[in-house]
Amino acid sequence: MDGANSLAILVIVFPLGATFTEVKVLEARAAIASGACEVDMVMNIGAFKSGDELFIAEDIVSVVNAASGSLVKVILEILILSKNETGRACLLSLESGAAFVKICTGFGYGGASVEAVKIMRRTVGFDIGVKANGGVLNYKDALAMIEAGANRLGTSAPVAIISGQMGEECQK
């Protein structure tokens, strides 16, 4: 595959996560074989919302196993989850061997909030990572997410974030 060595992160079952576990496993294996060192999987929101936590846990475990030791992030789409559901989804991800929980795909509206990051960090402790993405548009946003517990940020505005910091330092 051309460019296989240039892959760092590959998102599987984007954007809805609603497919067979076997398909997710095949996608994860193909991602790793193509050179991905990280796999982001979208949690099956429909199954989760219907209360099928056993399916969710088995789904995540299967992808983690297929990733052969590479880092797996579970995208939770917390914008459509209650606080309790967010905590439960984080706990299932932690218990199933995920390396990170991630706020959303960015496919819908909104994005990270300080409150969501705090819920996620409080639930998973420091056993796994928390990635805040969506709506991190400037230095102030980035700092707030880090202070809330995110140890990775996803942003479409890295220059604005870096420039904001440099701008504040220059004004002092």
N, C-alpha and C. Protein backbone atom coordinates (compact mmCIF):
# COMPACT_ATOMS: atom_id res chain seq x y z
N MET A 1 0.85 -1.17 0.00
CA MET A 1 0.00 0.00 0.00
C MET A 1 0.89 1.24 0.00
N ASP A 2 0.69 2.14 -0.94
CA ASP A 2 1.48 3.37 -0.98
C ASP A 2 1.17 4.23 0.23
N GLY A 3 2.20 4.79 0.84
CA GLY A 3 2.02 5.67 1.98
C GLY A 3 1.72 4.95 3.27
N ALA A 4 1.84 3.64 3.29
CA ALA A 4 1.51 2.88 4.49
C ALA A 4 2.32 3.33 5.69
N ASN A 5 3.57 3.68 5.48
CA ASN A 5 4.40 4.10 6.60
C ASN A 5 4.07 5.49 7.11
N SER A 6 3.24 6.23 6.37
CA SER A 6 2.91 7.57 6.80
C SER A 6 1.68 7.60 7.72
N LEU A 7 0.99 6.48 7.89
CA LEU A 7 -0.17 6.43 8.76
C LEU A 7 0.26 6.45 10.21
N ALA A 8 -0.34 7.28 10.99
CA ALA A 8 -0.08 7.27 12.42
C ALA A 8 -1.33 6.82 13.16
N ILE A 9 -2.47 7.41 12.83
CA ILE A 9 -3.73 7.11 13.49
C ILE A 9 -4.76 6.83 12.41
N LEU A 10 -5.55 5.80 12.59
CA LEU A 10 -6.61 5.51 11.65
C LEU A 10 -7.90 5.32 12.43
N VAL A 11 -8.97 5.97 11.99
CA VAL A 11 -10.26 5.85 12.65
C VAL A 11 -11.06 4.76 11.93
N ILE A 12 -11.58 3.83 12.71
CA ILE A 12 -12.38 2.76 12.12
C ILE A 12 -13.86 3.00 12.43
N VAL A 13 -14.71 2.45 11.61
CA VAL A 13 -16.17 2.53 11.68
C VAL A 13 -16.67 3.96 11.89
N PHE A 14 -16.07 4.85 11.16
CA PHE A 14 -16.42 6.26 11.23
C PHE A 14 -17.64 6.54 10.37
N PRO A 15 -18.58 7.35 10.76
CA PRO A 15 -18.65 8.10 12.01
C PRO A 15 -19.57 7.51 13.06
N LEU A 16 -20.28 6.43 12.76
CA LEU A 16 -21.34 5.99 13.66
C LEU A 16 -21.01 4.79 14.54
N GLY A 17 -20.02 4.01 14.18
CA GLY A 17 -19.64 2.86 14.99
C GLY A 17 -20.63 1.72 14.98
N ALA A 18 -21.65 1.81 14.13
CA ALA A 18 -22.73 0.83 14.12
C ALA A 18 -22.50 -0.22 13.04
N THR A 19 -21.66 -1.18 13.36
CA THR A 19 -21.43 -2.30 12.45
C THR A 19 -21.05 -3.52 13.27
N PHE A 20 -20.87 -4.63 12.61
CA PHE A 20 -20.50 -5.86 13.28
C PHE A 20 -19.10 -5.76 13.88
N THR A 21 -18.92 -6.40 15.02
CA THR A 21 -17.60 -6.44 15.66
C THR A 21 -16.57 -7.01 14.70
N GLU A 22 -16.95 -8.01 13.94
CA GLU A 22 -16.02 -8.64 13.00
C GLU A 22 -15.49 -7.63 11.98
N VAL A 23 -16.32 -6.70 11.58
CA VAL A 23 -15.90 -5.65 10.63
C VAL A 23 -14.89 -4.72 11.32
N LYS A 24 -15.16 -4.37 12.55
CA LYS A 24 -14.24 -3.52 13.31
C LYS A 24 -12.88 -4.20 13.48
N VAL A 25 -12.92 -5.49 13.76
CA VAL A 25 -11.68 -6.26 13.92
C VAL A 25 -10.89 -6.26 12.61
N LEU A 26 -11.56 -6.49 11.50
CA LEU A 26 -10.89 -6.47 10.19
C LEU A 26 -10.29 -5.10 9.90
N GLU A 27 -11.05 -4.04 10.19
CA GLU A 27 -10.55 -2.68 9.97
C GLU A 27 -9.34 -2.39 10.86
N ALA A 28 -9.40 -2.81 12.13
CA ALA A 28 -8.27 -2.58 13.04
C ALA A 28 -7.03 -3.32 12.56
N ARG A 29 -7.19 -4.57 12.16
CA ARG A 29 -6.05 -5.35 11.65
C ARG A 29 -5.47 -4.71 10.39
N ALA A 30 -6.34 -4.26 9.49
CA ALA A 30 -5.88 -3.62 8.25
C ALA A 30 -5.15 -2.32 8.57
N ALA A 31 -5.63 -1.58 9.55
CA ALA A 31 -4.99 -0.32 9.94
C ALA A 31 -3.57 -0.59 10.46
N ILE A 32 -3.44 -1.57 11.32
CA ILE A 32 -2.13 -1.91 11.88
C ILE A 32 -1.21 -2.43 10.78
N ALA A 33 -1.73 -3.28 9.92
CA ALA A 33 -0.92 -3.83 8.82
C ALA A 33 -0.47 -2.72 7.86
N SER A 34 -1.24 -1.63 7.80
CA SER A 34 -0.90 -0.52 6.92
C SER A 34 0.03 0.49 7.57
N GLY A 35 0.38 0.23 8.82
CA GLY A 35 1.34 1.10 9.48
C GLY A 35 0.79 2.00 10.57
N ALA A 36 -0.50 1.91 10.84
CA ALA A 36 -1.07 2.75 11.91
C ALA A 36 -0.51 2.30 13.25
N CYS A 37 -0.18 3.25 14.09
CA CYS A 37 0.29 2.91 15.43
C CYS A 37 -0.81 3.16 16.47
N GLU A 38 -1.89 3.79 16.03
CA GLU A 38 -3.05 4.03 16.89
C GLU A 38 -4.32 3.79 16.09
N VAL A 39 -5.31 3.25 16.78
CA VAL A 39 -6.62 3.01 16.17
C VAL A 39 -7.66 3.71 17.02
N ASP A 40 -8.45 4.56 16.38
CA ASP A 40 -9.59 5.19 17.04
C ASP A 40 -10.83 4.44 16.59
N MET A 41 -11.60 3.93 17.54
CA MET A 41 -12.84 3.24 17.19
C MET A 41 -14.02 4.03 17.74
N VAL A 42 -15.08 4.09 16.96
CA VAL A 42 -16.29 4.77 17.40
C VAL A 42 -17.16 3.75 18.12
N MET A 43 -17.51 4.07 19.37
CA MET A 43 -18.38 3.18 20.13
C MET A 43 -19.74 3.11 19.46
N ASN A 44 -20.36 1.94 19.49
CA ASN A 44 -21.69 1.75 18.92
C ASN A 44 -22.70 2.41 19.86
N ILE A 45 -23.07 3.64 19.53
CA ILE A 45 -23.97 4.42 20.40
C ILE A 45 -25.34 3.76 20.53
N GLY A 46 -25.85 3.22 19.42
CA GLY A 46 -27.17 2.58 19.46
C GLY A 46 -27.19 1.43 20.45
N ALA A 47 -26.18 0.58 20.40
CA ALA A 47 -26.11 -0.56 21.33
C ALA A 47 -25.95 -0.06 22.76
N PHE A 48 -25.12 0.97 22.94
CA PHE A 48 -24.92 1.51 24.28
C PHE A 48 -26.21 2.11 24.83
N LYS A 49 -26.88 2.93 24.03
CA LYS A 49 -28.11 3.59 24.47
C LYS A 49 -29.21 2.57 24.76
N SER A 50 -29.17 1.42 24.09
CA SER A 50 -30.18 0.39 24.34
C SER A 50 -29.83 -0.48 25.55
N GLY A 51 -28.69 -0.20 26.18
CA GLY A 51 -28.31 -0.90 27.40
C GLY A 51 -27.50 -2.17 27.20
N ASP A 52 -27.02 -2.41 26.00
CA ASP A 52 -26.27 -3.64 25.73
C ASP A 52 -24.79 -3.45 26.06
N GLU A 53 -24.49 -3.33 27.35
CA GLU A 53 -23.12 -3.08 27.79
C GLU A 53 -22.20 -4.27 27.55
N LEU A 54 -22.74 -5.47 27.57
CA LEU A 54 -21.92 -6.65 27.29
C LEU A 54 -21.41 -6.58 25.85
N PHE A 55 -22.28 -6.21 24.92
CA PHE A 55 -21.86 -6.06 23.52
C PHE A 55 -20.77 -5.00 23.41
N ILE A 56 -20.96 -3.86 24.06
CA ILE A 56 -19.99 -2.76 24.00
C ILE A 56 -18.64 -3.24 24.53
N ALA A 57 -18.64 -3.90 25.67
CA ALA A 57 -17.39 -4.39 26.25
C ALA A 57 -16.71 -5.38 25.32
N GLU A 58 -17.45 -6.32 24.79
CA GLU A 58 -16.86 -7.32 23.88
C GLU A 58 -16.36 -6.67 22.60
N ASP A 59 -17.06 -5.67 22.12
CA ASP A 59 -16.68 -4.92 20.92
C ASP A 59 -15.32 -4.25 21.13
N ILE A 60 -15.19 -3.56 22.25
CA ILE A 60 -13.93 -2.85 22.55
C ILE A 60 -12.80 -3.84 22.75
N VAL A 61 -13.03 -4.89 23.54
CA VAL A 61 -12.00 -5.90 23.78
C VAL A 61 -11.53 -6.49 22.45
N SER A 62 -12.45 -6.78 21.56
CA SER A 62 -12.09 -7.37 20.27
C SER A 62 -11.20 -6.45 19.45
N VAL A 63 -11.49 -5.17 19.44
CA VAL A 63 -10.66 -4.21 18.70
C VAL A 63 -9.31 -4.06 19.37
N VAL A 64 -9.29 -3.98 20.69
CA VAL A 64 -8.02 -3.88 21.42
C VAL A 64 -7.14 -5.09 21.09
N ASN A 65 -7.72 -6.27 21.10
CA ASN A 65 -6.95 -7.47 20.77
C ASN A 65 -6.47 -7.45 19.32
N ALA A 66 -7.31 -7.00 18.42
CA ALA A 66 -6.95 -6.95 17.00
C ALA A 66 -5.85 -5.93 16.74
N ALA A 67 -5.77 -4.92 17.58
CA ALA A 67 -4.76 -3.87 17.40
C ALA A 67 -3.36 -4.34 17.82
N SER A 68 -3.27 -5.51 18.34
CA SER A 68 -1.97 -6.15 18.65
C SER A 68 -1.03 -5.27 19.47
N GLY A 69 -1.52 -4.68 20.53
CA GLY A 69 -0.67 -3.88 21.39
C GLY A 69 -0.58 -2.41 21.01
N SER A 70 -1.12 -2.05 19.85
CA SER A 70 -1.14 -0.63 19.48
C SER A 70 -2.23 0.08 20.29
N LEU A 71 -2.06 1.35 20.45
CA LEU A 71 -2.97 2.16 21.25
C LEU A 71 -4.35 2.23 20.61
N VAL A 72 -5.41 2.01 21.41
CA VAL A 72 -6.79 2.12 20.94
C VAL A 72 -7.50 3.20 21.74
N LYS A 73 -8.10 4.14 21.00
CA LYS A 73 -8.93 5.18 21.61
C LYS A 73 -10.38 4.87 21.27
N VAL A 74 -11.27 4.99 22.26
CA VAL A 74 -12.69 4.78 22.05
C VAL A 74 -13.36 6.15 21.99
N ILE A 75 -13.99 6.43 20.86
CA ILE A 75 -14.69 7.70 20.66
C ILE A 75 -16.11 7.50 21.17
N LEU A 76 -16.50 8.33 22.13
CA LEU A 76 -17.75 8.12 22.86
C LEU A 76 -18.94 8.92 22.34
N GLU A 77 -18.73 9.96 21.58
CA GLU A 77 -19.83 10.85 21.16
C GLU A 77 -20.64 11.32 22.37
N ILE A 78 -19.95 11.89 23.34
CA ILE A 78 -20.61 12.26 24.59
C ILE A 78 -21.64 13.38 24.44
N LEU A 79 -21.65 14.03 23.29
CA LEU A 79 -22.62 15.10 23.09
C LEU A 79 -24.05 14.57 23.09
N ILE A 80 -24.21 13.27 22.89
CA ILE A 80 -25.55 12.69 22.92
C ILE A 80 -25.73 11.74 24.11
N LEU A 81 -24.81 11.82 25.06
CA LEU A 81 -24.88 11.01 26.27
C LEU A 81 -25.15 11.89 27.48
N SER A 82 -25.87 11.35 28.44
CA SER A 82 -26.04 12.05 29.72
C SER A 82 -24.73 11.97 30.50
N LYS A 83 -24.65 12.68 31.60
CA LYS A 83 -23.46 12.60 32.45
C LYS A 83 -23.25 11.18 32.95
N ASN A 84 -24.33 10.52 33.38
CA ASN A 84 -24.22 9.15 33.87
C ASN A 84 -23.78 8.21 32.75
N GLU A 85 -24.34 8.39 31.55
CA GLU A 85 -23.95 7.55 30.42
C GLU A 85 -22.49 7.79 30.05
N THR A 86 -22.05 9.03 30.11
CA THR A 86 -20.65 9.34 29.81
C THR A 86 -19.73 8.60 30.77
N GLY A 87 -20.04 8.65 32.04
CA GLY A 87 -19.25 7.94 33.03
C GLY A 87 -19.26 6.44 32.79
N ARG A 88 -20.41 5.90 32.48
CA ARG A 88 -20.52 4.45 32.24
C ARG A 88 -19.74 4.04 30.99
N ALA A 89 -19.83 4.84 29.92
CA ALA A 89 -19.09 4.54 28.69
C ALA A 89 -17.58 4.59 28.94
N CYS A 90 -17.15 5.55 29.74
CA CYS A 90 -15.73 5.64 30.10
C CYS A 90 -15.29 4.42 30.88
N LEU A 91 -16.10 4.00 31.84
CA LEU A 91 -15.76 2.84 32.65
C LEU A 91 -15.69 1.57 31.81
N LEU A 92 -16.64 1.39 30.89
CA LEU A 92 -16.61 0.23 29.99
C LEU A 92 -15.34 0.24 29.14
N SER A 93 -14.96 1.42 28.67
CA SER A 93 -13.75 1.54 27.85
C SER A 93 -12.51 1.17 28.66
N LEU A 94 -12.44 1.69 29.87
CA LEU A 94 -11.32 1.38 30.76
C LEU A 94 -11.24 -0.11 31.04
N GLU A 95 -12.35 -0.70 31.44
CA GLU A 95 -12.39 -2.12 31.80
C GLU A 95 -12.11 -3.03 30.60
N SER A 96 -12.33 -2.52 29.39
CA SER A 96 -12.17 -3.33 28.18
C SER A 96 -10.79 -3.18 27.54
N GLY A 97 -9.91 -2.40 28.18
CA GLY A 97 -8.53 -2.33 27.72
C GLY A 97 -8.18 -1.18 26.79
N ALA A 98 -9.09 -0.23 26.62
CA ALA A 98 -8.77 0.94 25.79
C ALA A 98 -7.66 1.74 26.44
N ALA A 99 -6.87 2.42 25.62
CA ALA A 99 -5.79 3.27 26.12
C ALA A 99 -6.25 4.70 26.35
N PHE A 100 -7.33 5.10 25.66
CA PHE A 100 -7.87 6.45 25.74
C PHE A 100 -9.37 6.43 25.58
N VAL A 101 -10.03 7.43 26.14
CA VAL A 101 -11.40 7.76 25.78
C VAL A 101 -11.34 9.13 25.11
N LYS A 102 -12.17 9.29 24.11
CA LYS A 102 -12.16 10.50 23.30
C LYS A 102 -13.58 11.05 23.22
N ILE A 103 -13.70 12.36 23.26
CA ILE A 103 -15.01 13.00 23.36
C ILE A 103 -15.94 12.71 22.19
N CYS A 104 -15.50 12.96 20.97
CA CYS A 104 -16.41 12.83 19.84
C CYS A 104 -15.67 12.66 18.52
N THR A 105 -16.44 12.35 17.48
CA THR A 105 -15.87 12.21 16.14
C THR A 105 -15.67 13.57 15.47
N GLY A 106 -16.40 14.57 15.91
CA GLY A 106 -16.39 15.86 15.24
C GLY A 106 -17.37 15.89 14.08
N PHE A 107 -18.09 14.80 13.89
CA PHE A 107 -19.04 14.68 12.79
C PHE A 107 -20.32 15.46 13.09
N GLY A 108 -20.68 15.57 14.37
CA GLY A 108 -21.89 16.26 14.76
C GLY A 108 -21.59 17.67 15.21
N TYR A 109 -22.49 18.22 15.98
CA TYR A 109 -22.35 19.59 16.47
C TYR A 109 -21.63 19.60 17.82
N GLY A 110 -20.95 20.69 18.09
CA GLY A 110 -20.31 20.87 19.38
C GLY A 110 -18.99 20.15 19.49
N GLY A 111 -18.55 20.00 20.72
CA GLY A 111 -17.27 19.35 20.96
C GLY A 111 -16.99 19.30 22.44
N ALA A 112 -15.73 19.37 22.77
CA ALA A 112 -15.28 19.22 24.14
C ALA A 112 -15.82 20.33 25.04
N SER A 113 -16.10 19.95 26.27
CA SER A 113 -16.42 20.92 27.31
C SER A 113 -15.59 20.56 28.53
N VAL A 114 -15.31 21.54 29.33
CA VAL A 114 -14.54 21.32 30.55
C VAL A 114 -15.27 20.30 31.44
N GLU A 115 -16.58 20.43 31.54
CA GLU A 115 -17.36 19.52 32.37
C GLU A 115 -17.22 18.08 31.88
N ALA A 116 -17.30 17.87 30.57
CA ALA A 116 -17.18 16.51 30.02
C ALA A 116 -15.80 15.93 30.31
N VAL A 117 -14.76 16.72 30.13
CA VAL A 117 -13.40 16.24 30.39
C VAL A 117 -13.25 15.88 31.86
N LYS A 118 -13.81 16.67 32.74
CA LYS A 118 -13.74 16.37 34.18
C LYS A 118 -14.44 15.05 34.51
N ILE A 119 -15.60 14.82 33.91
CA ILE A 119 -16.33 13.56 34.14
C ILE A 119 -15.48 12.39 33.66
N MET A 120 -14.93 12.54 32.47
CA MET A 120 -14.13 11.46 31.90
C MET A 120 -12.91 11.16 32.76
N ARG A 121 -12.18 12.20 33.16
CA ARG A 121 -10.97 12.00 33.97
C ARG A 121 -11.31 11.42 35.33
N ARG A 122 -12.37 11.93 35.94
CA ARG A 122 -12.78 11.43 37.25
C ARG A 122 -13.14 9.93 37.16
N THR A 123 -13.75 9.53 36.06
CA THR A 123 -14.16 8.13 35.90
C THR A 123 -12.99 7.20 35.65
N VAL A 124 -12.08 7.59 34.76
CA VAL A 124 -10.98 6.68 34.39
C VAL A 124 -9.75 6.86 35.25
N GLY A 125 -9.73 7.87 36.10
CA GLY A 125 -8.53 8.15 36.89
C GLY A 125 -7.38 8.46 35.95
N PHE A 126 -6.22 7.98 36.32
CA PHE A 126 -5.06 8.20 35.45
C PHE A 126 -4.60 6.89 34.83
N ASP A 127 -5.52 5.91 34.81
CA ASP A 127 -5.20 4.61 34.22
C ASP A 127 -5.15 4.66 32.70
N ILE A 128 -5.99 5.52 32.10
CA ILE A 128 -5.97 5.70 30.65
C ILE A 128 -6.06 7.18 30.33
N GLY A 129 -5.85 7.51 29.07
CA GLY A 129 -5.85 8.90 28.66
C GLY A 129 -7.23 9.43 28.34
N VAL A 130 -7.32 10.76 28.31
CA VAL A 130 -8.54 11.47 27.93
C VAL A 130 -8.17 12.44 26.82
N LYS A 131 -8.86 12.32 25.70
CA LYS A 131 -8.61 13.23 24.59
C LYS A 131 -9.81 14.14 24.41
N ALA A 132 -9.55 15.44 24.54
CA ALA A 132 -10.57 16.47 24.30
C ALA A 132 -10.43 16.94 22.86
N ASN A 133 -11.50 16.91 22.13
CA ASN A 133 -11.46 17.38 20.76
C ASN A 133 -12.78 18.04 20.39
N GLY A 134 -12.70 18.91 19.41
CA GLY A 134 -13.86 19.67 19.01
C GLY A 134 -14.04 20.88 19.90
N GLY A 135 -14.00 22.04 19.34
CA GLY A 135 -14.20 23.26 20.11
C GLY A 135 -12.97 23.76 20.85
N VAL A 136 -11.83 23.15 20.64
CA VAL A 136 -10.58 23.62 21.25
C VAL A 136 -9.95 24.55 20.21
N LEU A 137 -10.27 25.83 20.32
CA LEU A 137 -9.95 26.76 19.24
C LEU A 137 -8.90 27.81 19.56
N ASN A 138 -8.50 27.90 20.83
CA ASN A 138 -7.50 28.91 21.18
C ASN A 138 -6.74 28.44 22.43
N TYR A 139 -5.76 29.23 22.81
CA TYR A 139 -4.91 28.88 23.95
C TYR A 139 -5.74 28.72 25.23
N LYS A 140 -6.69 29.61 25.45
CA LYS A 140 -7.52 29.56 26.66
C LYS A 140 -8.31 28.25 26.71
N ASP A 141 -8.90 27.85 25.57
CA ASP A 141 -9.63 26.57 25.50
C ASP A 141 -8.70 25.40 25.81
N ALA A 142 -7.54 25.40 25.17
CA ALA A 142 -6.57 24.31 25.34
C ALA A 142 -6.15 24.19 26.79
N LEU A 143 -5.82 25.29 27.41
CA LEU A 143 -5.40 25.28 28.81
C LEU A 143 -6.53 24.78 29.72
N ALA A 144 -7.75 25.21 29.45
CA ALA A 144 -8.89 24.77 30.27
C ALA A 144 -9.09 23.26 30.16
N MET A 145 -8.93 22.70 28.98
CA MET A 145 -9.09 21.26 28.79
C MET A 145 -7.98 20.48 29.51
N ILE A 146 -6.77 20.98 29.43
CA ILE A 146 -5.65 20.33 30.11
C ILE A 146 -5.85 20.39 31.62
N GLU A 147 -6.25 21.55 32.12
CA GLU A 147 -6.49 21.69 33.55
C GLU A 147 -7.64 20.80 34.03
N ALA A 148 -8.61 20.52 33.14
CA ALA A 148 -9.74 19.66 33.49
C ALA A 148 -9.36 18.18 33.49
N GLY A 149 -8.22 17.85 32.85
CA GLY A 149 -7.76 16.46 32.88
C GLY A 149 -7.43 15.85 31.54
N ALA A 150 -7.57 16.59 30.46
CA ALA A 150 -7.21 16.03 29.14
C ALA A 150 -5.69 15.95 29.03
N ASN A 151 -5.20 14.84 28.50
CA ASN A 151 -3.77 14.77 28.25
C ASN A 151 -3.47 14.69 26.75
N ARG A 152 -4.51 14.81 25.94
CA ARG A 152 -4.36 15.02 24.50
C ARG A 152 -5.47 15.94 24.04
N LEU A 153 -5.14 16.73 23.03
CA LEU A 153 -6.13 17.63 22.44
C LEU A 153 -6.22 17.36 20.95
N GLY A 154 -7.43 17.43 20.43
CA GLY A 154 -7.64 17.40 19.00
C GLY A 154 -8.17 18.76 18.60
N THR A 155 -7.52 19.39 17.64
CA THR A 155 -7.94 20.74 17.28
C THR A 155 -7.67 21.00 15.80
N SER A 156 -8.48 21.86 15.25
CA SER A 156 -8.24 22.30 13.88
C SER A 156 -7.57 23.68 13.90
N ALA A 157 -7.19 24.12 15.08
CA ALA A 157 -6.62 25.46 15.23
C ALA A 157 -5.30 25.47 15.98
N PRO A 158 -4.34 24.62 15.61
CA PRO A 158 -3.08 24.59 16.37
C PRO A 158 -2.31 25.90 16.29
N VAL A 159 -2.35 26.56 15.16
CA VAL A 159 -1.62 27.83 15.02
C VAL A 159 -2.22 28.88 15.94
N ALA A 160 -3.55 28.93 16.01
CA ALA A 160 -4.20 29.90 16.90
C ALA A 160 -3.85 29.62 18.36
N ILE A 161 -3.78 28.35 18.72
CA ILE A 161 -3.45 28.00 20.10
C ILE A 161 -2.01 28.43 20.41
N ILE A 162 -1.10 28.08 19.54
CA ILE A 162 0.31 28.44 19.76
C ILE A 162 0.49 29.95 19.69
N SER A 163 -0.15 30.59 18.74
CA SER A 163 -0.03 32.05 18.61
C SER A 163 -0.61 32.76 19.82
N GLY A 164 -1.68 32.22 20.35
CA GLY A 164 -2.30 32.82 21.53
C GLY A 164 -1.35 32.81 22.70
N GLN A 165 -0.66 31.72 22.90
CA GLN A 165 0.32 31.64 23.98
C GLN A 165 1.44 32.62 23.73
N MET A 166 1.95 32.63 22.52
CA MET A 166 3.06 33.53 22.20
C MET A 166 2.62 34.98 22.36
N GLY A 167 1.39 35.26 21.94
CA GLY A 167 0.87 36.62 22.08
C GLY A 167 0.78 37.05 23.52
N GLU A 168 0.29 36.18 24.40
CA GLU A 168 0.18 36.52 25.81
C GLU A 168 1.55 36.72 26.42
N GLU A 169 2.52 35.89 26.06
CA GLU A 169 3.87 36.03 26.61
C GLU A 169 4.49 37.35 26.16
N CYS A 170 4.25 37.73 24.92
CA CYS A 170 4.85 38.96 24.39
C CYS A 170 4.25 40.20 25.05
N GLN A 171 3.01 40.08 25.55
CA GLN A 171 2.35 41.24 26.15
C GLN A 171 2.80 41.45 27.59
N LYS A 172 3.44 40.47 28.19
CA LYS A 172 3.85 40.60 29.60
C LYS A 172 5.11 41.42 29.73
